[in-house]
Amino acid sequence: KSQATFGELKKMLAGRTGLNPLDQKL
């Protein structure tokens, strides 16, 4: 969604990259 947060995007990327959202830097 265009109105989502970067935190929500990190959660979606966690499943694809295996990287914990807390360890991500966008």
PDB file of all heavy atoms in Angstrom:
ATOM      1  N   LYS A   1       0.835  -1.188   0.000  1.00  0.00           N
ATOM      2  CA  LYS A   1       0.000   0.000   0.000  1.00  0.00           C
ATOM      3  C   LYS A   1       0.876   1.247   0.000  1.00  0.00           C
ATOM      4  O   LYS A   1       1.896   1.302   0.684  1.00  0.00           O
ATOM      5  CB  LYS A   1      -0.920   0.024   1.226  1.00  0.00           C
ATOM      6  CG  LYS A   1      -1.911  -1.128   1.291  1.00  0.00           C
ATOM      7  CD  LYS A   1      -2.963  -1.017   0.213  1.00  0.00           C
ATOM      8  CE  LYS A   1      -4.010  -2.132   0.347  1.00  0.00           C
ATOM      9  NZ  LYS A   1      -5.037  -2.060  -0.732  1.00  0.00           N
ATOM     10  N   SER A   2       0.473   2.242  -0.745  1.00  0.00           N
ATOM     11  CA  SER A   2       1.278   3.460  -0.851  1.00  0.00           C
ATOM     12  C   SER A   2       1.377   4.203   0.469  1.00  0.00           C
ATOM     13  O   SER A   2       2.312   4.967   0.690  1.00  0.00           O
ATOM     14  CB  SER A   2       0.689   4.382  -1.917  1.00  0.00           C
ATOM     15  OG  SER A   2      -0.632   4.794  -1.550  1.00  0.00           O
ATOM     16  N   GLN A   3       0.423   4.000   1.381  1.00  0.00           N
ATOM     17  CA  GLN A   3       0.405   4.706   2.654  1.00  0.00           C
ATOM     18  C   GLN A   3       0.990   3.866   3.798  1.00  0.00           C
ATOM     19  O   GLN A   3       0.851   4.212   4.968  1.00  0.00           O
ATOM     20  CB  GLN A   3      -1.021   5.135   2.999  1.00  0.00           C
ATOM     21  CG  GLN A   3      -1.610   6.130   2.007  1.00  0.00           C
ATOM     22  CD  GLN A   3      -3.048   6.487   2.325  1.00  0.00           C
ATOM     23  OE1 GLN A   3      -3.597   6.048   3.326  1.00  0.00           O
ATOM     24  NE2 GLN A   3      -3.664   7.280   1.466  1.00  0.00           N
ATOM     25  N   ALA A   4       1.651   2.754   3.446  1.00  0.00           N
ATOM     26  CA  ALA A   4       2.282   1.915   4.457  1.00  0.00           C
ATOM     27  C   ALA A   4       3.566   2.582   4.962  1.00  0.00           C
ATOM     28  O   ALA A   4       4.045   3.558   4.385  1.00  0.00           O
ATOM     29  CB  ALA A   4       2.595   0.542   3.881  1.00  0.00           C
ATOM     30  N   THR A   5       4.111   2.020   6.041  1.00  0.00           N
ATOM     31  CA  THR A   5       5.358   2.544   6.595  1.00  0.00           C
ATOM     32  C   THR A   5       6.536   1.709   6.104  1.00  0.00           C
ATOM     33  O   THR A   5       6.359   0.594   5.590  1.00  0.00           O
ATOM     34  CB  THR A   5       5.334   2.507   8.128  1.00  0.00           C
ATOM     35  OG1 THR A   5       5.230   1.143   8.556  1.00  0.00           O
ATOM     36  CG2 THR A   5       4.152   3.301   8.672  1.00  0.00           C
ATOM     37  N   PHE A   6       7.726   2.240   6.286  1.00  0.00           N
ATOM     38  CA  PHE A   6       8.924   1.490   5.923  1.00  0.00           C
ATOM     39  C   PHE A   6       9.073   0.264   6.819  1.00  0.00           C
ATOM     40  O   PHE A   6       9.642  -0.747   6.422  1.00  0.00           O
ATOM     41  CB  PHE A   6      10.166   2.390   6.038  1.00  0.00           C
ATOM     42  CG  PHE A   6      10.342   3.319   4.870  1.00  0.00           C
ATOM     43  CD1 PHE A   6       9.770   4.577   4.880  1.00  0.00           C
ATOM     44  CD2 PHE A   6      11.070   2.932   3.755  1.00  0.00           C
ATOM     45  CE1 PHE A   6       9.923   5.439   3.804  1.00  0.00           C
ATOM     46  CE2 PHE A   6      11.233   3.783   2.666  1.00  0.00           C
ATOM     47  CZ  PHE A   6      10.647   5.038   2.686  1.00  0.00           C
ATOM     48  N   GLY A   7       8.539   0.352   8.045  1.00  0.00           N
ATOM     49  CA  GLY A   7       8.573  -0.798   8.942  1.00  0.00           C
ATOM     50  C   GLY A   7       7.750  -1.954   8.403  1.00  0.00           C
ATOM     51  O   GLY A   7       8.160  -3.123   8.502  1.00  0.00           O
ATOM     52  N   GLU A   8       6.594  -1.646   7.814  1.00  0.00           N
ATOM     53  CA  GLU A   8       5.759  -2.688   7.213  1.00  0.00           C
ATOM     54  C   GLU A   8       6.460  -3.305   6.009  1.00  0.00           C
ATOM     55  O   GLU A   8       6.356  -4.512   5.763  1.00  0.00           O
ATOM     56  CB  GLU A   8       4.413  -2.096   6.809  1.00  0.00           C
ATOM     57  CG  GLU A   8       3.552  -1.656   7.979  1.00  0.00           C
ATOM     58  CD  GLU A   8       2.282  -0.968   7.530  1.00  0.00           C
ATOM     59  OE1 GLU A   8       1.273  -1.671   7.320  1.00  0.00           O
ATOM     60  OE2 GLU A   8       2.296   0.273   7.402  1.00  0.00           O
ATOM     61  N   LEU A   9       7.171  -2.478   5.271  1.00  0.00           N
ATOM     62  CA  LEU A   9       7.930  -2.976   4.122  1.00  0.00           C
ATOM     63  C   LEU A   9       9.051  -3.910   4.582  1.00  0.00           C
ATOM     64  O   LEU A   9       9.305  -4.953   3.969  1.00  0.00           O
ATOM     65  CB  LEU A   9       8.510  -1.805   3.330  1.00  0.00           C
ATOM     66  CG  LEU A   9       9.373  -2.156   2.110  1.00  0.00           C
ATOM     67  CD1 LEU A   9       8.599  -3.014   1.114  1.00  0.00           C
ATOM     68  CD2 LEU A   9       9.883  -0.882   1.432  1.00  0.00           C
ATOM     69  N   LYS A  10       9.688  -3.577   5.703  1.00  0.00           N
ATOM     70  CA  LYS A  10      10.754  -4.423   6.245  1.00  0.00           C
ATOM     71  C   LYS A  10      10.219  -5.798   6.636  1.00  0.00           C
ATOM     72  O   LYS A  10      10.885  -6.818   6.440  1.00  0.00           O
ATOM     73  CB  LYS A  10      11.393  -3.745   7.451  1.00  0.00           C
ATOM     74  CG  LYS A  10      12.265  -2.547   7.110  1.00  0.00           C
ATOM     75  CD  LYS A  10      12.857  -1.923   8.367  1.00  0.00           C
ATOM     76  CE  LYS A  10      13.745  -0.734   8.034  1.00  0.00           C
ATOM     77  NZ  LYS A  10      14.342  -0.127   9.253  1.00  0.00           N
ATOM     78  N   LYS A  11       9.012  -5.832   7.215  1.00  0.00           N
ATOM     79  CA  LYS A  11       8.411  -7.109   7.605  1.00  0.00           C
ATOM     80  C   LYS A  11       8.162  -7.988   6.383  1.00  0.00           C
ATOM     81  O   LYS A  11       8.339  -9.212   6.438  1.00  0.00           O
ATOM     82  CB  LYS A  11       7.099  -6.865   8.347  1.00  0.00           C
ATOM     83  CG  LYS A  11       7.281  -6.257   9.728  1.00  0.00           C
ATOM     84  CD  LYS A  11       5.946  -6.032  10.412  1.00  0.00           C
ATOM     85  CE  LYS A  11       6.122  -5.400  11.792  1.00  0.00           C
ATOM     86  NZ  LYS A  11       4.823  -5.151  12.457  1.00  0.00           N
ATOM     87  N   MET A  12       7.744  -7.362   5.283  1.00  0.00           N
ATOM     88  CA  MET A  12       7.498  -8.123   4.057  1.00  0.00           C
ATOM     89  C   MET A  12       8.810  -8.635   3.471  1.00  0.00           C
ATOM     90  O   MET A  12       8.879  -9.736   2.926  1.00  0.00           O
ATOM     91  CB  MET A  12       6.758  -7.251   3.044  1.00  0.00           C
ATOM     92  CG  MET A  12       5.369  -6.811   3.505  1.00  0.00           C
ATOM     93  SD  MET A  12       4.511  -5.772   2.304  1.00  0.00           S
ATOM     94  CE  MET A  12       4.152  -6.963   1.025  1.00  0.00           C
ATOM     95  N   LEU A  13       9.877  -7.843   3.611  1.00  0.00           N
ATOM     96  CA  LEU A  13      11.176  -8.248   3.081  1.00  0.00           C
ATOM     97  C   LEU A  13      11.820  -9.337   3.937  1.00  0.00           C
ATOM     98  O   LEU A  13      12.655 -10.096   3.449  1.00  0.00           O
ATOM     99  CB  LEU A  13      12.111  -7.028   3.010  1.00  0.00           C
ATOM    100  CG  LEU A  13      11.771  -5.998   1.932  1.00  0.00           C
ATOM    101  CD1 LEU A  13      12.567  -4.726   2.153  1.00  0.00           C
ATOM    102  CD2 LEU A  13      12.045  -6.563   0.535  1.00  0.00           C
ATOM    103  N   ALA A  14      11.436  -9.412   5.203  1.00  0.00           N
ATOM    104  CA  ALA A  14      12.014 -10.411   6.102  1.00  0.00           C
ATOM    105  C   ALA A  14      11.750 -11.825   5.602  1.00  0.00           C
ATOM    106  O   ALA A  14      12.610 -12.705   5.680  1.00  0.00           O
ATOM    107  CB  ALA A  14      11.457 -10.232   7.508  1.00  0.00           C
ATOM    108  N   GLY A  15      10.546 -12.063   5.088  1.00  0.00           N
ATOM    109  CA  GLY A  15      10.208 -13.384   4.588  1.00  0.00           C
ATOM    110  C   GLY A  15      10.975 -13.766   3.336  1.00  0.00           C
ATOM    111  O   GLY A  15      11.198 -14.947   3.068  1.00  0.00           O
ATOM    112  N   ARG A  16      11.416 -12.780   2.585  1.00  0.00           N
ATOM    113  CA  ARG A  16      12.119 -13.056   1.333  1.00  0.00           C
ATOM    114  C   ARG A  16      13.626 -13.108   1.518  1.00  0.00           C
ATOM    115  O   ARG A  16      14.318 -13.837   0.814  1.00  0.00           O
ATOM    116  CB  ARG A  16      11.769 -11.983   0.290  1.00  0.00           C
ATOM    117  CG  ARG A  16      10.276 -11.849   0.043  1.00  0.00           C
ATOM    118  CD  ARG A  16       9.999 -10.953  -1.132  1.00  0.00           C
ATOM    119  NE  ARG A  16       8.563 -10.754  -1.346  1.00  0.00           N
ATOM    120  CZ  ARG A  16       8.044 -10.225  -2.440  1.00  0.00           C
ATOM    121  NH1 ARG A  16       8.829  -9.817  -3.418  1.00  0.00           N
ATOM    122  NH2 ARG A  16       6.732 -10.086  -2.561  1.00  0.00           N
ATOM    123  N   THR A  17      14.135 -12.329   2.439  1.00  0.00           N
ATOM    124  CA  THR A  17      15.582 -12.255   2.631  1.00  0.00           C
ATOM    125  C   THR A  17      16.066 -13.053   3.837  1.00  0.00           C
ATOM    126  O   THR A  17      17.254 -13.351   3.949  1.00  0.00           O
ATOM    127  CB  THR A  17      16.011 -10.785   2.814  1.00  0.00           C
ATOM    128  OG1 THR A  17      15.409 -10.260   4.004  1.00  0.00           O
ATOM    129  CG2 THR A  17      15.569  -9.947   1.619  1.00  0.00           C
ATOM    130  N   GLY A  18      15.148 -13.389   4.761  1.00  0.00           N
ATOM    131  CA  GLY A  18      15.546 -14.073   5.981  1.00  0.00           C
ATOM    132  C   GLY A  18      16.219 -13.154   6.975  1.00  0.00           C
ATOM    133  O   GLY A  18      16.789 -13.611   7.969  1.00  0.00           O
ATOM    134  N   LEU A  19      16.150 -11.868   6.718  1.00  0.00           N
ATOM    135  CA  LEU A  19      16.785 -10.870   7.578  1.00  0.00           C
ATOM    136  C   LEU A  19      15.766 -10.293   8.540  1.00  0.00           C
ATOM    137  O   LEU A  19      14.701  -9.824   8.127  1.00  0.00           O
ATOM    138  CB  LEU A  19      17.386  -9.755   6.715  1.00  0.00           C
ATOM    139  CG  LEU A  19      18.348  -8.781   7.374  1.00  0.00           C
ATOM    140  CD1 LEU A  19      19.573  -9.507   7.910  1.00  0.00           C
ATOM    141  CD2 LEU A  19      18.775  -7.698   6.382  1.00  0.00           C
ATOM    142  N   ASN A  20      16.077 -10.339   9.829  1.00  0.00           N
ATOM    143  CA  ASN A  20      15.179  -9.799  10.854  1.00  0.00           C
ATOM    144  C   ASN A  20      14.885  -8.333  10.576  1.00  0.00           C
ATOM    145  O   ASN A  20      15.795  -7.563  10.253  1.00  0.00           O
ATOM    146  CB  ASN A  20      15.837  -9.948  12.228  1.00  0.00           C
ATOM    147  CG  ASN A  20      14.874  -9.674  13.363  1.00  0.00           C
ATOM    148  OD1 ASN A  20      14.294  -8.602  13.473  1.00  0.00           O
ATOM    149  ND2 ASN A  20      14.717 -10.650  14.233  1.00  0.00           N
ATOM    150  N   PRO A  21      13.608  -7.901  10.669  1.00  0.00           N
ATOM    151  CA  PRO A  21      13.276  -6.491  10.416  1.00  0.00           C
ATOM    152  C   PRO A  21      14.094  -5.519  11.263  1.00  0.00           C
ATOM    153  O   PRO A  21      14.399  -4.402  10.811  1.00  0.00           O
ATOM    154  CB  PRO A  21      11.788  -6.416  10.783  1.00  0.00           C
ATOM    155  CG  PRO A  21      11.279  -7.790  10.554  1.00  0.00           C
ATOM    156  CD  PRO A  21      12.409  -8.697  10.950  1.00  0.00           C
ATOM    157  N   LEU A  22      14.486  -5.949  12.470  1.00  0.00           N
ATOM    158  CA  LEU A  22      15.280  -5.069  13.338  1.00  0.00           C
ATOM    159  C   LEU A  22      16.709  -4.911  12.832  1.00  0.00           C
ATOM    160  O   LEU A  22      17.414  -3.979  13.241  1.00  0.00           O
ATOM    161  CB  LEU A  22      15.298  -5.626  14.767  1.00  0.00           C
ATOM    162  CG  LEU A  22      13.952  -5.731  15.473  1.00  0.00           C
ATOM    163  CD1 LEU A  22      14.118  -6.403  16.834  1.00  0.00           C
ATOM    164  CD2 LEU A  22      13.317  -4.355  15.640  1.00  0.00           C
ATOM    165  N   ASP A  23      17.141  -5.825  11.953  1.00  0.00           N
ATOM    166  CA  ASP A  23      18.506  -5.776  11.428  1.00  0.00           C
ATOM    167  C   ASP A  23      18.562  -5.153  10.039  1.00  0.00           C
ATOM    168  O   ASP A  23      19.620  -5.172   9.392  1.00  0.00           O
ATOM    169  CB  ASP A  23      19.101  -7.190  11.365  1.00  0.00           C
ATOM    170  CG  ASP A  23      19.135  -7.849  12.735  1.00  0.00           C
ATOM    171  OD1 ASP A  23      19.111  -7.126  13.740  1.00  0.00           O
ATOM    172  OD2 ASP A  23      19.176  -9.097  12.795  1.00  0.00           O
ATOM    173  N   GLN A  24      17.436  -4.612   9.563  1.00  0.00           N
ATOM    174  CA  GLN A  24      17.372  -4.062   8.214  1.00  0.00           C
ATOM    175  C   GLN A  24      17.587  -2.549   8.203  1.00  0.00           C
ATOM    176  O   GLN A  24      17.144  -1.842   9.100  1.00  0.00           O
ATOM    177  CB  GLN A  24      16.014  -4.379   7.572  1.00  0.00           C
ATOM    178  CG  GLN A  24      15.764  -5.857   7.355  1.00  0.00           C
ATOM    179  CD  GLN A  24      14.414  -6.122   6.693  1.00  0.00           C
ATOM    180  OE1 GLN A  24      13.875  -5.253   6.008  1.00  0.00           O
ATOM    181  NE2 GLN A  24      13.871  -7.305   6.907  1.00  0.00           N
ATOM    182  N   LYS A  25      18.260  -2.105   7.150  1.00  0.00           N
ATOM    183  CA  LYS A  25      18.446  -0.671   6.923  1.00  0.00           C
ATOM    184  C   LYS A  25      18.015  -0.370   5.489  1.00  0.00           C
ATOM    185  O   LYS A  25      18.639  -0.848   4.535  1.00  0.00           O
ATOM    186  CB  LYS A  25      19.910  -0.278   7.119  1.00  0.00           C
ATOM    187  CG  LYS A  25      20.185   1.213   6.919  1.00  0.00           C
ATOM    188  CD  LYS A  25      21.670   1.517   6.882  1.00  0.00           C
ATOM    189  CE  LYS A  25      22.311   1.263   8.228  1.00  0.00           C
ATOM    190  NZ  LYS A  25      23.755   1.685   8.218  1.00  0.00           N
ATOM    191  N   LEU A  26      16.910   0.369   5.352  1.00  0.00           N
ATOM    192  CA  LEU A  26      16.382   0.708   4.023  1.00  0.00           C
ATOM    193  C   LEU A  26      16.836   2.104   3.633  1.00  0.00           C
ATOM    194  O   LEU A  26      16.636   3.065   4.385  1.00  0.00           O
ATOM    195  CB  LEU A  26      14.858   0.637   4.020  1.00  0.00           C
ATOM    196  CG  LEU A  26      14.232  -0.744   3.763  1.00  0.00           C
ATOM    197  CD1 LEU A  26      12.721  -0.686   3.921  1.00  0.00           C
ATOM    198  CD2 LEU A  26      14.593  -1.260   2.378  1.00  0.00           C
TER     199      LEU A  26
END
